[in-house]
Amino acid sequence: MTIIVCDACKKEIVGAHKDLNYITMMEKDICMQCKDDMDDILRKEMRARTAARTVSFTDYKAFLLQTLQQMCGG
């Protein structure tokens, strides 16, 4: 049995099933609660940026990577 620990909140994911109760994003394992938190952060930031100007996919991807690194402490 493999033990999966969320890289953001550092909690063990009990009964881990990929894409059911955790996801792997850019080599980080993230529980669904942390994924929802990250989605909220991304949504708010992208709305603010879109109001100011157009946002490219590159901008989104860069902010996603930055947010993921901040949440995972590295």
PDB file of N, CA and C in Angstrom:
ATOM      1  N   MET A   1       0.837  -1.178   0.000  1.00  0.00           N
ATOM      2  CA  MET A   1       0.000   0.000   0.000  1.00  0.00           C
ATOM      3  C   MET A   1       0.885   1.245   0.000  1.00  0.00           C
ATOM      4  N   THR A   2       0.534   2.181  -0.821  1.00  0.00           N
ATOM      5  CA  THR A   2       1.286   3.419  -0.937  1.00  0.00           C
ATOM      6  C   THR A   2       0.611   4.500  -0.106  1.00  0.00           C
ATOM      7  N   ILE A   3       1.416   5.241   0.622  1.00  0.00           N
ATOM      8  CA  ILE A   3       0.899   6.352   1.422  1.00  0.00           C
ATOM      9  C   ILE A   3       1.155   7.636   0.640  1.00  0.00           C
ATOM     10  N   ILE A   4       0.107   8.387   0.402  1.00  0.00           N
ATOM     11  CA  ILE A   4       0.198   9.656  -0.310  1.00  0.00           C
ATOM     12  C   ILE A   4      -0.030  10.768   0.702  1.00  0.00           C
ATOM     13  N   VAL A   5       0.849  11.760   0.672  1.00  0.00           N
ATOM     14  CA  VAL A   5       0.744  12.922   1.550  1.00  0.00           C
ATOM     15  C   VAL A   5       0.593  14.157   0.669  1.00  0.00           C
ATOM     16  N   CYS A   6      -0.359  14.998   0.994  1.00  0.00           N
ATOM     17  CA  CYS A   6      -0.567  16.240   0.244  1.00  0.00           C
ATOM     18  C   CYS A   6       0.662  17.120   0.402  1.00  0.00           C
ATOM     19  N   ASP A   7       1.206  17.578  -0.714  1.00  0.00           N
ATOM     20  CA  ASP A   7       2.399  18.421  -0.670  1.00  0.00           C
ATOM     21  C   ASP A   7       2.094  19.834  -0.180  1.00  0.00           C
ATOM     22  N   ALA A   8       0.824  20.231  -0.169  1.00  0.00           N
ATOM     23  CA  ALA A   8       0.472  21.568   0.289  1.00  0.00           C
ATOM     24  C   ALA A   8       0.187  21.595   1.786  1.00  0.00           C
ATOM     25  N   CYS A   9      -0.756  20.758   2.251  1.00  0.00           N
ATOM     26  CA  CYS A   9      -1.143  20.802   3.663  1.00  0.00           C
ATOM     27  C   CYS A   9      -0.415  19.759   4.509  1.00  0.00           C
ATOM     28  N   LYS A  10       0.331  18.888   3.867  1.00  0.00           N
ATOM     29  CA  LYS A  10       1.157  17.860   4.532  1.00  0.00           C
ATOM     30  C   LYS A  10       0.330  16.814   5.282  1.00  0.00           C
ATOM     31  N   LYS A  11      -0.959  16.688   4.961  1.00  0.00           N
ATOM     32  CA  LYS A  11      -1.797  15.668   5.589  1.00  0.00           C
ATOM     33  C   LYS A  11      -1.795  14.407   4.732  1.00  0.00           C
ATOM     34  N   GLU A  12      -1.897  13.261   5.401  1.00  0.00           N
ATOM     35  CA  GLU A  12      -1.982  11.987   4.690  1.00  0.00           C
ATOM     36  C   GLU A  12      -3.348  11.885   4.020  1.00  0.00           C
ATOM     37  N   ILE A  13      -3.363  11.409   2.784  1.00  0.00           N
ATOM     38  CA  ILE A  13      -4.606  11.227   2.048  1.00  0.00           C
ATOM     39  C   ILE A  13      -5.020   9.777   2.231  1.00  0.00           C
ATOM     40  N   VAL A  14      -6.030   9.573   3.074  1.00  0.00           N
ATOM     41  CA  VAL A  14      -6.482   8.234   3.428  1.00  0.00           C
ATOM     42  C   VAL A  14      -7.249   7.629   2.247  1.00  0.00           C
ATOM     43  N   GLY A  15      -6.910   6.393   1.895  1.00  0.00           N
ATOM     44  CA  GLY A  15      -7.581   5.715   0.783  1.00  0.00           C
ATOM     45  C   GLY A  15      -7.368   6.432  -0.528  1.00  0.00           C
ATOM     46  N   ALA A  16      -6.143   6.843  -0.779  1.00  0.00           N
ATOM     47  CA  ALA A  16      -5.820   7.678  -1.935  1.00  0.00           C
ATOM     48  C   ALA A  16      -6.166   6.994  -3.256  1.00  0.00           C
ATOM     49  N   HIS A  17      -6.946   7.693  -4.072  1.00  0.00           N
ATOM     50  CA  HIS A  17      -7.278   7.275  -5.423  1.00  0.00           C
ATOM     51  C   HIS A  17      -7.077   8.492  -6.312  1.00  0.00           C
ATOM     52  N   LYS A  18      -6.136   8.380  -7.237  1.00  0.00           N
ATOM     53  CA  LYS A  18      -5.803   9.507  -8.111  1.00  0.00           C
ATOM     54  C   LYS A  18      -7.045   9.991  -8.856  1.00  0.00           C
ATOM     55  N   ASP A  19      -7.200  11.292  -8.927  1.00  0.00           N
ATOM     56  CA  ASP A  19      -8.305  11.997  -9.570  1.00  0.00           C
ATOM     57  C   ASP A  19      -9.640  11.796  -8.857  1.00  0.00           C
ATOM     58  N   LEU A  20      -9.654  11.082  -7.746  1.00  0.00           N
ATOM     59  CA  LEU A  20     -10.873  10.931  -6.956  1.00  0.00           C
ATOM     60  C   LEU A  20     -10.767  11.744  -5.675  1.00  0.00           C
ATOM     61  N   ASN A  21      -9.674  11.564  -4.921  1.00  0.00           N
ATOM     62  CA  ASN A  21      -9.487  12.365  -3.716  1.00  0.00           C
ATOM     63  C   ASN A  21      -8.119  13.042  -3.656  1.00  0.00           C
ATOM     64  N   TYR A  22      -7.344  12.940  -4.732  1.00  0.00           N
ATOM     65  CA  TYR A  22      -6.128  13.744  -4.881  1.00  0.00           C
ATOM     66  C   TYR A  22      -5.778  13.831  -6.351  1.00  0.00           C
ATOM     67  N   ILE A  23      -4.990  14.839  -6.702  1.00  0.00           N
ATOM     68  CA  ILE A  23      -4.506  14.990  -8.075  1.00  0.00           C
ATOM     69  C   ILE A  23      -2.994  15.148  -8.041  1.00  0.00           C
ATOM     70  N   THR A  24      -2.380  14.878  -9.156  1.00  0.00           N
ATOM     71  CA  THR A  24      -0.957  15.139  -9.316  1.00  0.00           C
ATOM     72  C   THR A  24      -0.821  16.255 -10.343  1.00  0.00           C
ATOM     73  N   MET A  25      -0.173  17.338  -9.928  1.00  0.00           N
ATOM     74  CA  MET A  25      -0.003  18.492 -10.797  1.00  0.00           C
ATOM     75  C   MET A  25       1.443  18.942 -10.716  1.00  0.00           C
ATOM     76  N   MET A  26       2.121  18.922 -11.856  1.00  0.00           N
ATOM     77  CA  MET A  26       3.523  19.324 -11.918  1.00  0.00           C
ATOM     78  C   MET A  26       4.347  18.601 -10.861  1.00  0.00           C
ATOM     79  N   GLU A  27       4.154  17.299 -10.785  1.00  0.00           N
ATOM     80  CA  GLU A  27       4.878  16.396  -9.886  1.00  0.00           C
ATOM     81  C   GLU A  27       4.592  16.635  -8.405  1.00  0.00           C
ATOM     82  N   LYS A  28       3.492  17.292  -8.100  1.00  0.00           N
ATOM     83  CA  LYS A  28       3.061  17.515  -6.714  1.00  0.00           C
ATOM     84  C   LYS A  28       1.737  16.798  -6.505  1.00  0.00           C
ATOM     85  N   ASP A  29       1.597  16.092  -5.386  1.00  0.00           N
ATOM     86  CA  ASP A  29       0.338  15.449  -5.029  1.00  0.00           C
ATOM     87  C   ASP A  29      -0.448  16.418  -4.158  1.00  0.00           C
ATOM     88  N   ILE A  30      -1.678  16.731  -4.570  1.00  0.00           N
ATOM     89  CA  ILE A  30      -2.498  17.728  -3.906  1.00  0.00           C
ATOM     90  C   ILE A  30      -3.855  17.112  -3.562  1.00  0.00           C
ATOM     91  N   CYS A  31      -4.283  17.243  -2.289  1.00  0.00           N
ATOM     92  CA  CYS A  31      -5.612  16.745  -1.909  1.00  0.00           C
ATOM     93  C   CYS A  31      -6.669  17.654  -2.552  1.00  0.00           C
ATOM     94  N   MET A  32      -7.880  17.169  -2.612  1.00  0.00           N
ATOM     95  CA  MET A  32      -8.943  17.908  -3.282  1.00  0.00           C
ATOM     96  C   MET A  32      -9.274  19.231  -2.573  1.00  0.00           C
ATOM     97  N   GLN A  33      -9.161  19.275  -1.254  1.00  0.00           N
ATOM     98  CA  GLN A  33      -9.413  20.523  -0.533  1.00  0.00           C
ATOM     99  C   GLN A  33      -8.388  21.586  -0.925  1.00  0.00           C
ATOM    100  N   CYS A  34      -7.126  21.206  -0.994  1.00  0.00           N
ATOM    101  CA  CYS A  34      -6.083  22.150  -1.390  1.00  0.00           C
ATOM    102  C   CYS A  34      -6.240  22.545  -2.860  1.00  0.00           C
ATOM    103  N   LYS A  35      -6.684  21.616  -3.696  1.00  0.00           N
ATOM    104  CA  LYS A  35      -6.939  21.930  -5.104  1.00  0.00           C
ATOM    105  C   LYS A  35      -8.047  22.970  -5.213  1.00  0.00           C
ATOM    106  N   ASP A  36      -9.118  22.795  -4.423  1.00  0.00           N
ATOM    107  CA  ASP A  36     -10.206  23.769  -4.425  1.00  0.00           C
ATOM    108  C   ASP A  36      -9.717  25.138  -3.955  1.00  0.00           C
ATOM    109  N   ASP A  37      -8.880  25.156  -2.930  1.00  0.00           N
ATOM    110  CA  ASP A  37      -8.314  26.416  -2.436  1.00  0.00           C
ATOM    111  C   ASP A  37      -7.469  27.081  -3.516  1.00  0.00           C
ATOM    112  N   MET A  38      -6.653  26.286  -4.212  1.00  0.00           N
ATOM    113  CA  MET A  38      -5.806  26.819  -5.274  1.00  0.00           C
ATOM    114  C   MET A  38      -6.664  27.342  -6.426  1.00  0.00           C
ATOM    115  N   ASP A  39      -7.728  26.625  -6.776  1.00  0.00           N
ATOM    116  CA  ASP A  39      -8.630  27.072  -7.842  1.00  0.00           C
ATOM    117  C   ASP A  39      -9.273  28.407  -7.493  1.00  0.00           C
ATOM    118  N   ASP A  40      -9.646  28.592  -6.223  1.00  0.00           N
ATOM    119  CA  ASP A  40     -10.232  29.861  -5.786  1.00  0.00           C
ATOM    120  C   ASP A  40      -9.232  31.006  -5.946  1.00  0.00           C
ATOM    121  N   ILE A  41      -7.990  30.767  -5.543  1.00  0.00           N
ATOM    122  CA  ILE A  41      -6.938  31.782  -5.683  1.00  0.00           C
ATOM    123  C   ILE A  41      -6.736  32.129  -7.147  1.00  0.00           C
ATOM    124  N   LEU A  42      -6.634  31.106  -7.992  1.00  0.00           N
ATOM    125  CA  LEU A  42      -6.423  31.328  -9.423  1.00  0.00           C
ATOM    126  C   LEU A  42      -7.595  32.081 -10.048  1.00  0.00           C
ATOM    127  N   ARG A  43      -8.805  31.677  -9.693  1.00  0.00           N
ATOM    128  CA  ARG A  43      -9.995  32.310 -10.260  1.00  0.00           C
ATOM    129  C   ARG A  43     -10.034  33.800  -9.919  1.00  0.00           C
ATOM    130  N   LYS A  44      -9.799  34.143  -8.662  1.00  0.00           N
ATOM    131  CA  LYS A  44      -9.829  35.551  -8.252  1.00  0.00           C
ATOM    132  C   LYS A  44      -8.751  36.369  -8.960  1.00  0.00           C
ATOM    133  N   GLU A  45      -7.549  35.813  -9.021  1.00  0.00           N
ATOM    134  CA  GLU A  45      -6.438  36.536  -9.652  1.00  0.00           C
ATOM    135  C   GLU A  45      -6.669  36.714 -11.152  1.00  0.00           C
ATOM    136  N   MET A  46      -7.143  35.688 -11.814  1.00  0.00           N
ATOM    137  CA  MET A  46      -7.363  35.780 -13.262  1.00  0.00           C
ATOM    138  C   MET A  46      -8.497  36.748 -13.578  1.00  0.00           C
ATOM    139  N   ARG A  47      -9.522  36.800 -12.738  1.00  0.00           N
ATOM    140  CA  ARG A  47     -10.599  37.785 -12.940  1.00  0.00           C
ATOM    141  C   ARG A  47     -10.059  39.199 -12.802  1.00  0.00           C
ATOM    142  N   ALA A  48      -9.206  39.418 -11.809  1.00  0.00           N
ATOM    143  CA  ALA A  48      -8.621  40.749 -11.607  1.00  0.00           C
ATOM    144  C   ALA A  48      -7.728  41.130 -12.780  1.00  0.00           C
ATOM    145  N   ARG A  49      -6.943  40.178 -13.243  1.00  0.00           N
ATOM    146  CA  ARG A  49      -6.042  40.468 -14.372  1.00  0.00           C
ATOM    147  C   ARG A  49      -6.819  40.679 -15.669  1.00  0.00           C
ATOM    148  N   THR A  50      -7.911  39.960 -15.862  1.00  0.00           N
ATOM    149  CA  THR A  50      -8.688  40.090 -17.092  1.00  0.00           C
ATOM    150  C   THR A  50      -9.401  41.433 -17.116  1.00  0.00           C
ATOM    151  N   ALA A  51      -9.799  41.923 -15.959  1.00  0.00           N
ATOM    152  CA  ALA A  51     -10.452  43.231 -15.902  1.00  0.00           C
ATOM    153  C   ALA A  51      -9.479  44.332 -16.323  1.00  0.00           C
ATOM    154  N   ALA A  52      -8.212  44.160 -16.011  1.00  0.00           N
ATOM    155  CA  ALA A  52      -7.206  45.167 -16.332  1.00  0.00           C
ATOM    156  C   ALA A  52      -6.724  45.055 -17.792  1.00  0.00           C
ATOM    157  N   ARG A  53      -6.621  43.806 -18.291  1.00  0.00           N
ATOM    158  CA  ARG A  53      -6.135  43.591 -19.659  1.00  0.00           C
ATOM    159  C   ARG A  53      -6.426  42.148 -20.046  1.00  0.00           C
ATOM    160  N   THR A  54      -6.056  41.796 -21.250  1.00  0.00           N
ATOM    161  CA  THR A  54      -6.236  40.408 -21.664  1.00  0.00           C
ATOM    162  C   THR A  54      -5.139  39.546 -21.044  1.00  0.00           C
ATOM    163  N   VAL A  55      -5.493  38.324 -20.733  1.00  0.00           N
ATOM    164  CA  VAL A  55      -4.561  37.404 -20.094  1.00  0.00           C
ATOM    165  C   VAL A  55      -4.331  36.228 -21.027  1.00  0.00           C
ATOM    166  N   SER A  56      -3.067  35.896 -21.237  1.00  0.00           N
ATOM    167  CA  SER A  56      -2.739  34.773 -22.112  1.00  0.00           C
ATOM    168  C   SER A  56      -2.651  33.483 -21.294  1.00  0.00           C
ATOM    169  N   PHE A  57      -2.648  32.378 -21.986  1.00  0.00           N
ATOM    170  CA  PHE A  57      -2.500  31.088 -21.328  1.00  0.00           C
ATOM    171  C   PHE A  57      -1.142  31.003 -20.646  1.00  0.00           C
ATOM    172  N   THR A  58      -0.137  31.626 -21.212  1.00  0.00           N
ATOM    173  CA  THR A  58       1.200  31.647 -20.610  1.00  0.00           C
ATOM    174  C   THR A  58       1.169  32.351 -19.261  1.00  0.00           C
ATOM    175  N   ASP A  59       0.428  33.461 -19.175  1.00  0.00           N
ATOM    176  CA  ASP A  59       0.276  34.173 -17.903  1.00  0.00           C
ATOM    177  C   ASP A  59      -0.396  33.283 -16.863  1.00  0.00           C
ATOM    178  N   TYR A  60      -1.453  32.595 -17.286  1.00  0.00           N
ATOM    179  CA  TYR A  60      -2.181  31.703 -16.386  1.00  0.00           C
ATOM    180  C   TYR A  60      -1.276  30.584 -15.889  1.00  0.00           C
ATOM    181  N   LYS A  61      -0.557  29.971 -16.810  1.00  0.00           N
ATOM    182  CA  LYS A  61       0.317  28.851 -16.452  1.00  0.00           C
ATOM    183  C   LYS A  61       1.421  29.293 -15.493  1.00  0.00           C
ATOM    184  N   ALA A  62       1.993  30.479 -15.729  1.00  0.00           N
ATOM    185  CA  ALA A  62       3.038  30.997 -14.847  1.00  0.00           C
ATOM    186  C   ALA A  62       2.481  31.262 -13.451  1.00  0.00           C
ATOM    187  N   PHE A  63       1.276  31.842 -13.362  1.00  0.00           N
ATOM    188  CA  PHE A  63       0.678  32.105 -12.059  1.00  0.00           C
ATOM    189  C   PHE A  63       0.291  30.806 -11.362  1.00  0.00           C
ATOM    190  N   LEU A  64      -0.171  29.822 -12.116  1.00  0.00           N
ATOM    191  CA  LEU A  64      -0.490  28.513 -11.561  1.00  0.00           C
ATOM    192  C   LEU A  64       0.747  27.884 -10.937  1.00  0.00           C
ATOM    193  N   LEU A  65       1.847  27.898 -11.640  1.00  0.00           N
ATOM    194  CA  LEU A  65       3.098  27.338 -11.126  1.00  0.00           C
ATOM    195  C   LEU A  65       3.566  28.083  -9.875  1.00  0.00           C
ATOM    196  N   GLN A  66       3.482  29.396  -9.905  1.00  0.00           N
ATOM    197  CA  GLN A  66       3.876  30.218  -8.758  1.00  0.00           C
ATOM    198  C   GLN A  66       3.002  29.909  -7.535  1.00  0.00           C
ATOM    199  N   THR A  67       1.711  29.810  -7.731  1.00  0.00           N
ATOM    200  CA  THR A  67       0.774  29.515  -6.637  1.00  0.00           C
ATOM    201  C   THR A  67       1.028  28.121  -6.074  1.00  0.00           C
ATOM    202  N   LEU A  68       1.233  27.159  -6.956  1.00  0.00           N
ATOM    203  CA  LEU A  68       1.504  25.789  -6.528  1.00  0.00           C
ATOM    204  C   LEU A  68       2.789  25.717  -5.699  1.00  0.00           C
ATOM    205  N   GLN A  69       3.820  26.404  -6.132  1.00  0.00           N
ATOM    206  CA  GLN A  69       5.078  26.425  -5.391  1.00  0.00           C
ATOM    207  C   GLN A  69       4.916  27.085  -4.032  1.00  0.00           C
ATOM    208  N   GLN A  70       4.147  28.168  -3.958  1.00  0.00           N
ATOM    209  CA  GLN A  70       3.909  28.828  -2.674  1.00  0.00           C
ATOM    210  C   GLN A  70       3.138  27.939  -1.729  1.00  0.00           C
ATOM    211  N   MET A  71       2.125  27.245  -2.252  1.00  0.00           N
ATOM    212  CA  MET A  71       1.314  26.378  -1.403  1.00  0.00           C
ATOM    213  C   MET A  71       2.109  25.185  -0.891  1.00  0.00           C
ATOM    214  N   CYS A  72       3.047  24.694  -1.702  1.00  0.00           N
ATOM    215  CA  CYS A  72       3.826  23.515  -1.326  1.00  0.00           C
ATOM    216  C   CYS A  72       5.120  23.879  -0.620  1.00  0.00           C
ATOM    217  N   GLY A  73       5.347  25.158  -0.385  1.00  0.00           N
ATOM    218  CA  GLY A  73       6.495  25.597   0.390  1.00  0.00           C
ATOM    219  C   GLY A  73       7.814  25.493  -0.324  1.00  0.00           C
ATOM    220  N   GLY A  74       7.821  25.689  -1.612  1.00  0.00           N
ATOM    221  CA  GLY A  74       9.113  25.606  -2.287  1.00  0.00           C
ATOM    222  C   GLY A  74       9.121  26.115  -3.594  1.00  0.00           C
TER     223      GLY A  74
END
